[in-house]
N, C-alpha and C. Protein backbone atom coordinates (compact mmCIF):
# COMPACT_ATOMS: atom_id res chain seq x y z
N MET A 1 -100.03 -3.34 157.85
CA MET A 1 -100.25 -4.40 158.81
C MET A 1 -99.48 -5.63 158.35
N GLU A 2 -98.70 -6.18 159.24
CA GLU A 2 -97.92 -7.37 158.91
C GLU A 2 -98.53 -8.57 159.63
N ILE A 3 -98.89 -9.57 158.84
CA ILE A 3 -99.44 -10.83 159.36
C ILE A 3 -98.55 -11.95 158.83
N LYS A 4 -98.23 -12.91 159.69
CA LYS A 4 -97.54 -14.10 159.22
C LYS A 4 -98.04 -15.30 160.01
N LEU A 5 -97.88 -16.46 159.42
CA LEU A 5 -98.25 -17.71 160.08
C LEU A 5 -96.99 -18.45 160.45
N ILE A 6 -96.93 -18.91 161.69
CA ILE A 6 -95.80 -19.68 162.16
C ILE A 6 -96.32 -21.05 162.58
N LYS A 7 -95.78 -22.10 161.96
CA LYS A 7 -96.26 -23.45 162.21
C LYS A 7 -96.04 -23.84 163.67
N ALA A 8 -97.07 -24.42 164.25
CA ALA A 8 -97.00 -24.92 165.62
C ALA A 8 -96.74 -26.43 165.58
N ASN A 9 -96.28 -26.97 166.69
CA ASN A 9 -96.09 -28.41 166.77
C ASN A 9 -96.61 -28.92 168.11
N LEU A 10 -96.45 -30.19 168.35
CA LEU A 10 -97.02 -30.82 169.53
C LEU A 10 -96.57 -30.16 170.84
N SER A 11 -95.36 -29.66 170.87
CA SER A 11 -94.88 -29.00 172.09
C SER A 11 -95.61 -27.68 172.36
N ASP A 12 -96.34 -27.18 171.38
CA ASP A 12 -97.12 -25.95 171.54
C ASP A 12 -98.56 -26.21 171.97
N ALA A 13 -98.92 -27.46 172.21
CA ALA A 13 -100.31 -27.83 172.48
C ALA A 13 -100.92 -27.05 173.64
N GLU A 14 -100.23 -26.94 174.74
CA GLU A 14 -100.82 -26.26 175.90
C GLU A 14 -101.03 -24.77 175.64
N ILE A 15 -100.09 -24.15 174.94
CA ILE A 15 -100.23 -22.73 174.60
C ILE A 15 -101.45 -22.54 173.70
N LEU A 16 -101.57 -23.36 172.66
CA LEU A 16 -102.71 -23.27 171.75
C LEU A 16 -104.02 -23.49 172.49
N TRP A 17 -104.04 -24.49 173.35
CA TRP A 17 -105.26 -24.81 174.10
C TRP A 17 -105.67 -23.65 175.00
N LYS A 18 -104.73 -23.07 175.73
CA LYS A 18 -105.05 -21.94 176.61
C LYS A 18 -105.56 -20.75 175.80
N MET A 19 -104.95 -20.49 174.66
CA MET A 19 -105.43 -19.41 173.80
C MET A 19 -106.84 -19.69 173.31
N GLN A 20 -107.10 -20.92 172.91
CA GLN A 20 -108.42 -21.30 172.41
C GLN A 20 -109.48 -21.11 173.50
N VAL A 21 -109.19 -21.56 174.69
CA VAL A 21 -110.14 -21.41 175.81
C VAL A 21 -110.44 -19.93 176.04
N GLU A 22 -109.40 -19.11 176.07
CA GLU A 22 -109.61 -17.67 176.29
C GLU A 22 -110.39 -17.03 175.15
N ALA A 23 -110.04 -17.40 173.91
CA ALA A 23 -110.68 -16.77 172.74
C ALA A 23 -112.16 -17.10 172.63
N PHE A 24 -112.56 -18.30 173.06
CA PHE A 24 -113.96 -18.72 172.91
C PHE A 24 -114.75 -18.63 174.21
N ARG A 25 -114.12 -18.21 175.31
CA ARG A 25 -114.78 -18.17 176.61
C ARG A 25 -116.05 -17.31 176.62
N GLU A 26 -115.96 -16.13 176.04
CA GLU A 26 -117.11 -15.22 176.03
C GLU A 26 -118.32 -15.84 175.33
N LEU A 27 -118.09 -16.52 174.22
CA LEU A 27 -119.18 -17.18 173.51
C LEU A 27 -119.75 -18.34 174.32
N LEU A 28 -118.87 -19.06 175.01
CA LEU A 28 -119.33 -20.15 175.86
C LEU A 28 -120.22 -19.63 176.98
N GLU A 29 -119.80 -18.55 177.60
CA GLU A 29 -120.60 -17.96 178.69
C GLU A 29 -121.96 -17.47 178.17
N LYS A 30 -121.96 -16.90 176.97
CA LYS A 30 -123.19 -16.36 176.42
C LYS A 30 -124.18 -17.45 176.00
N TYR A 31 -123.67 -18.47 175.29
CA TYR A 31 -124.56 -19.47 174.71
C TYR A 31 -124.64 -20.78 175.49
N GLN A 32 -123.73 -20.97 176.44
CA GLN A 32 -123.74 -22.18 177.27
C GLN A 32 -123.71 -23.45 176.41
N ASP A 33 -123.00 -23.41 175.30
CA ASP A 33 -122.93 -24.55 174.37
C ASP A 33 -121.74 -25.44 174.72
N PHE A 34 -121.81 -26.05 175.88
CA PHE A 34 -120.70 -26.81 176.43
C PHE A 34 -120.30 -28.02 175.58
N ASP A 35 -121.22 -28.56 174.81
CA ASP A 35 -120.91 -29.74 174.00
C ASP A 35 -120.17 -29.41 172.71
N THR A 36 -120.26 -28.17 172.24
CA THR A 36 -119.68 -27.84 170.93
C THR A 36 -118.67 -26.69 170.95
N ASN A 37 -118.64 -25.90 171.99
CA ASN A 37 -117.77 -24.73 172.02
C ASN A 37 -116.32 -25.15 172.25
N PRO A 38 -115.38 -24.63 171.45
CA PRO A 38 -113.96 -24.96 171.63
C PRO A 38 -113.40 -24.61 173.01
N ALA A 39 -114.02 -23.69 173.73
CA ALA A 39 -113.52 -23.34 175.06
C ALA A 39 -113.72 -24.47 176.06
N SER A 40 -114.61 -25.42 175.77
CA SER A 40 -114.82 -26.51 176.71
C SER A 40 -114.10 -27.79 176.31
N GLU A 41 -113.29 -27.73 175.27
CA GLU A 41 -112.52 -28.91 174.88
C GLU A 41 -111.35 -29.12 175.84
N PRO A 42 -111.01 -30.36 176.12
CA PRO A 42 -109.86 -30.63 176.98
C PRO A 42 -108.55 -30.48 176.20
N LEU A 43 -107.47 -30.31 176.93
CA LEU A 43 -106.13 -30.20 176.34
C LEU A 43 -105.83 -31.40 175.45
N ASN A 44 -106.27 -32.57 175.84
CA ASN A 44 -105.99 -33.77 175.05
C ASN A 44 -106.53 -33.68 173.63
N ARG A 45 -107.63 -32.97 173.44
CA ARG A 45 -108.19 -32.83 172.09
C ARG A 45 -107.25 -32.03 171.19
N THR A 46 -106.65 -31.00 171.74
CA THR A 46 -105.67 -30.22 170.97
C THR A 46 -104.46 -31.09 170.64
N LYS A 47 -104.01 -31.87 171.60
CA LYS A 47 -102.87 -32.77 171.36
C LYS A 47 -103.21 -33.80 170.29
N GLU A 48 -104.42 -34.35 170.34
CA GLU A 48 -104.85 -35.31 169.32
C GLU A 48 -104.81 -34.68 167.93
N ARG A 49 -105.35 -33.48 167.82
CA ARG A 49 -105.36 -32.80 166.51
C ARG A 49 -103.94 -32.55 166.01
N LEU A 50 -103.07 -32.08 166.90
CA LEU A 50 -101.69 -31.81 166.50
C LEU A 50 -100.96 -33.08 166.05
N SER A 51 -101.39 -34.22 166.53
CA SER A 51 -100.77 -35.49 166.17
C SER A 51 -101.28 -36.06 164.85
N MET A 52 -102.36 -35.51 164.33
CA MET A 52 -102.92 -35.99 163.07
C MET A 52 -102.03 -35.55 161.91
N PRO A 53 -101.67 -36.47 161.02
CA PRO A 53 -100.77 -36.10 159.92
C PRO A 53 -101.35 -35.07 158.96
N GLU A 54 -102.69 -34.97 158.90
CA GLU A 54 -103.31 -34.01 157.98
C GLU A 54 -103.60 -32.67 158.62
N THR A 55 -103.19 -32.48 159.88
CA THR A 55 -103.47 -31.24 160.61
C THR A 55 -102.25 -30.34 160.64
N TYR A 56 -102.50 -29.07 160.37
CA TYR A 56 -101.46 -28.04 160.41
C TYR A 56 -101.99 -26.88 161.25
N TYR A 57 -101.40 -26.67 162.41
CA TYR A 57 -101.74 -25.53 163.25
C TYR A 57 -100.71 -24.44 163.01
N TYR A 58 -101.18 -23.22 162.96
CA TYR A 58 -100.29 -22.06 162.82
C TYR A 58 -100.67 -21.01 163.85
N PHE A 59 -99.66 -20.39 164.42
CA PHE A 59 -99.90 -19.19 165.21
C PHE A 59 -100.07 -18.04 164.22
N ILE A 60 -101.04 -17.19 164.45
CA ILE A 60 -101.23 -15.99 163.64
C ILE A 60 -100.46 -14.88 164.35
N VAL A 61 -99.47 -14.34 163.66
CA VAL A 61 -98.62 -13.31 164.26
C VAL A 61 -98.92 -11.99 163.57
N TYR A 62 -99.26 -11.00 164.37
CA TYR A 62 -99.63 -9.66 163.91
C TYR A 62 -98.65 -8.68 164.52
N ASN A 63 -97.87 -8.01 163.67
CA ASN A 63 -96.87 -7.04 164.15
C ASN A 63 -96.05 -7.60 165.32
N ASP A 64 -95.54 -8.82 165.14
CA ASP A 64 -94.69 -9.52 166.12
C ASP A 64 -95.39 -9.95 167.40
N ASN A 65 -96.72 -9.93 167.42
CA ASN A 65 -97.50 -10.41 168.57
C ASN A 65 -98.33 -11.61 168.13
N VAL A 66 -98.38 -12.64 168.97
CA VAL A 66 -99.24 -13.78 168.67
C VAL A 66 -100.67 -13.33 168.92
N ALA A 67 -101.42 -13.25 167.83
CA ALA A 67 -102.77 -12.69 167.88
C ALA A 67 -103.85 -13.75 167.80
N GLY A 68 -103.49 -14.99 167.49
CA GLY A 68 -104.47 -16.04 167.36
C GLY A 68 -103.85 -17.29 166.78
N ALA A 69 -104.71 -18.15 166.25
CA ALA A 69 -104.24 -19.40 165.65
C ALA A 69 -105.25 -19.88 164.62
N ILE A 70 -104.76 -20.73 163.74
CA ILE A 70 -105.60 -21.32 162.70
C ILE A 70 -105.15 -22.77 162.52
N ARG A 71 -106.14 -23.64 162.35
CA ARG A 71 -105.86 -25.05 162.06
C ARG A 71 -106.37 -25.35 160.67
N VAL A 72 -105.50 -25.90 159.84
CA VAL A 72 -105.86 -26.30 158.49
C VAL A 72 -105.81 -27.83 158.43
N VAL A 73 -106.87 -28.42 157.91
CA VAL A 73 -106.89 -29.86 157.68
C VAL A 73 -106.68 -30.06 156.19
N ASP A 74 -105.54 -30.67 155.84
CA ASP A 74 -105.14 -30.82 154.44
C ASP A 74 -104.56 -32.22 154.26
N LYS A 75 -105.33 -33.10 153.65
CA LYS A 75 -104.88 -34.48 153.44
C LYS A 75 -103.87 -34.58 152.31
N LYS A 76 -103.70 -33.50 151.57
CA LYS A 76 -102.74 -33.43 150.47
C LYS A 76 -102.94 -34.54 149.44
N ASP A 77 -104.21 -34.90 149.21
CA ASP A 77 -104.51 -35.95 148.24
C ASP A 77 -105.15 -35.41 146.97
N ASN A 78 -105.33 -34.10 146.88
CA ASN A 78 -105.95 -33.45 145.73
C ASN A 78 -107.38 -33.94 145.46
N ILE A 79 -107.98 -34.61 146.43
CA ILE A 79 -109.36 -35.08 146.30
C ILE A 79 -110.20 -34.49 147.43
N THR A 80 -109.72 -34.65 148.64
CA THR A 80 -110.46 -34.21 149.83
C THR A 80 -110.35 -32.70 149.97
N PRO A 81 -111.48 -32.02 150.10
CA PRO A 81 -111.41 -30.56 150.29
C PRO A 81 -110.67 -30.21 151.59
N LYS A 82 -109.93 -29.14 151.53
CA LYS A 82 -109.25 -28.63 152.72
C LYS A 82 -110.27 -27.88 153.57
N ARG A 83 -110.00 -27.81 154.88
CA ARG A 83 -110.91 -27.06 155.73
C ARG A 83 -110.14 -26.39 156.86
N ILE A 84 -110.78 -25.40 157.43
CA ILE A 84 -110.23 -24.67 158.57
C ILE A 84 -111.14 -24.92 159.75
N SER A 85 -110.55 -25.39 160.84
CA SER A 85 -111.33 -25.63 162.05
C SER A 85 -110.40 -25.98 163.20
N PRO A 86 -110.29 -25.13 164.16
CA PRO A 86 -110.87 -23.80 164.33
C PRO A 86 -109.90 -22.71 163.86
N ILE A 87 -110.39 -21.51 163.91
CA ILE A 87 -109.58 -20.30 163.75
C ILE A 87 -110.05 -19.33 164.82
N TRP A 88 -109.11 -18.62 165.41
CA TRP A 88 -109.51 -17.61 166.39
C TRP A 88 -108.50 -16.47 166.43
N VAL A 89 -109.02 -15.33 166.83
CA VAL A 89 -108.20 -14.13 167.08
C VAL A 89 -108.50 -13.72 168.51
N MET A 90 -107.46 -13.46 169.25
CA MET A 90 -107.62 -13.08 170.65
C MET A 90 -108.39 -11.76 170.74
N PRO A 91 -109.16 -11.58 171.81
CA PRO A 91 -110.05 -10.40 171.92
C PRO A 91 -109.36 -9.06 171.67
N GLU A 92 -108.16 -8.88 172.16
CA GLU A 92 -107.49 -7.58 172.02
C GLU A 92 -107.03 -7.28 170.59
N PHE A 93 -107.10 -8.27 169.69
CA PHE A 93 -106.67 -8.07 168.31
C PHE A 93 -107.82 -8.12 167.31
N ARG A 94 -109.03 -8.25 167.77
CA ARG A 94 -110.18 -8.39 166.88
C ARG A 94 -110.54 -7.07 166.20
N GLY A 95 -111.22 -7.19 165.07
CA GLY A 95 -111.69 -6.02 164.35
C GLY A 95 -110.64 -5.37 163.46
N LYS A 96 -109.57 -6.08 163.18
CA LYS A 96 -108.49 -5.53 162.36
C LYS A 96 -108.32 -6.27 161.03
N GLY A 97 -109.17 -7.26 160.77
CA GLY A 97 -109.05 -8.04 159.53
C GLY A 97 -107.99 -9.13 159.60
N ILE A 98 -107.55 -9.46 160.80
CA ILE A 98 -106.46 -10.43 160.97
C ILE A 98 -106.88 -11.83 160.51
N ALA A 99 -108.06 -12.27 160.88
CA ALA A 99 -108.51 -13.61 160.50
C ALA A 99 -108.61 -13.73 158.97
N GLN A 100 -109.13 -12.72 158.33
CA GLN A 100 -109.26 -12.74 156.88
C GLN A 100 -107.89 -12.88 156.21
N LEU A 101 -106.92 -12.13 156.68
CA LEU A 101 -105.58 -12.22 156.12
C LEU A 101 -104.93 -13.57 156.43
N ALA A 102 -105.20 -14.11 157.61
CA ALA A 102 -104.65 -15.42 157.98
C ALA A 102 -105.19 -16.50 157.05
N ILE A 103 -106.46 -16.41 156.70
CA ILE A 103 -107.04 -17.39 155.78
C ILE A 103 -106.37 -17.28 154.41
N LYS A 104 -106.13 -16.08 153.95
CA LYS A 104 -105.44 -15.89 152.66
C LYS A 104 -104.04 -16.49 152.70
N LEU A 105 -103.33 -16.29 153.82
CA LEU A 105 -101.99 -16.88 153.94
C LEU A 105 -102.06 -18.40 153.98
N ALA A 106 -103.04 -18.95 154.67
CA ALA A 106 -103.21 -20.40 154.72
C ALA A 106 -103.48 -20.95 153.31
N GLU A 107 -104.25 -20.22 152.52
CA GLU A 107 -104.51 -20.64 151.14
C GLU A 107 -103.25 -20.57 150.29
N GLU A 108 -102.38 -19.62 150.56
CA GLU A 108 -101.11 -19.55 149.84
C GLU A 108 -100.25 -20.77 150.15
N ILE A 109 -100.32 -21.26 151.37
CA ILE A 109 -99.53 -22.43 151.77
C ILE A 109 -100.17 -23.73 151.29
N HIS A 110 -101.49 -23.86 151.48
CA HIS A 110 -102.17 -25.13 151.26
C HIS A 110 -103.04 -25.17 150.00
N GLY A 111 -103.21 -24.06 149.34
CA GLY A 111 -104.11 -23.99 148.20
C GLY A 111 -105.51 -23.65 148.66
N ALA A 112 -106.34 -23.30 147.70
CA ALA A 112 -107.71 -22.88 148.04
C ALA A 112 -108.54 -24.07 148.51
């Protein structure tokens, strides 16, 4: 299985947002958590995150297919802990360990 991360930028905001809405839609429908579910966030929120200097979005690519995305928050100050929020794998690619491998790749880039 080949997994790679490809850095996204502000011009990718709409693609990332549409993927996020689709990836989290089922959970939104099930739990009706409109205030917290990423599927109910507006496009502007994705654009805001992409504009933050400490934010790094990556497309998760599995066997040459965009299978999801991961956002790493890394202030690069060696003090503030790094975090991932959000990460998603599209429904048709789930159950293959893709998210786990994407996190490992993100740690290789940004540190643990």
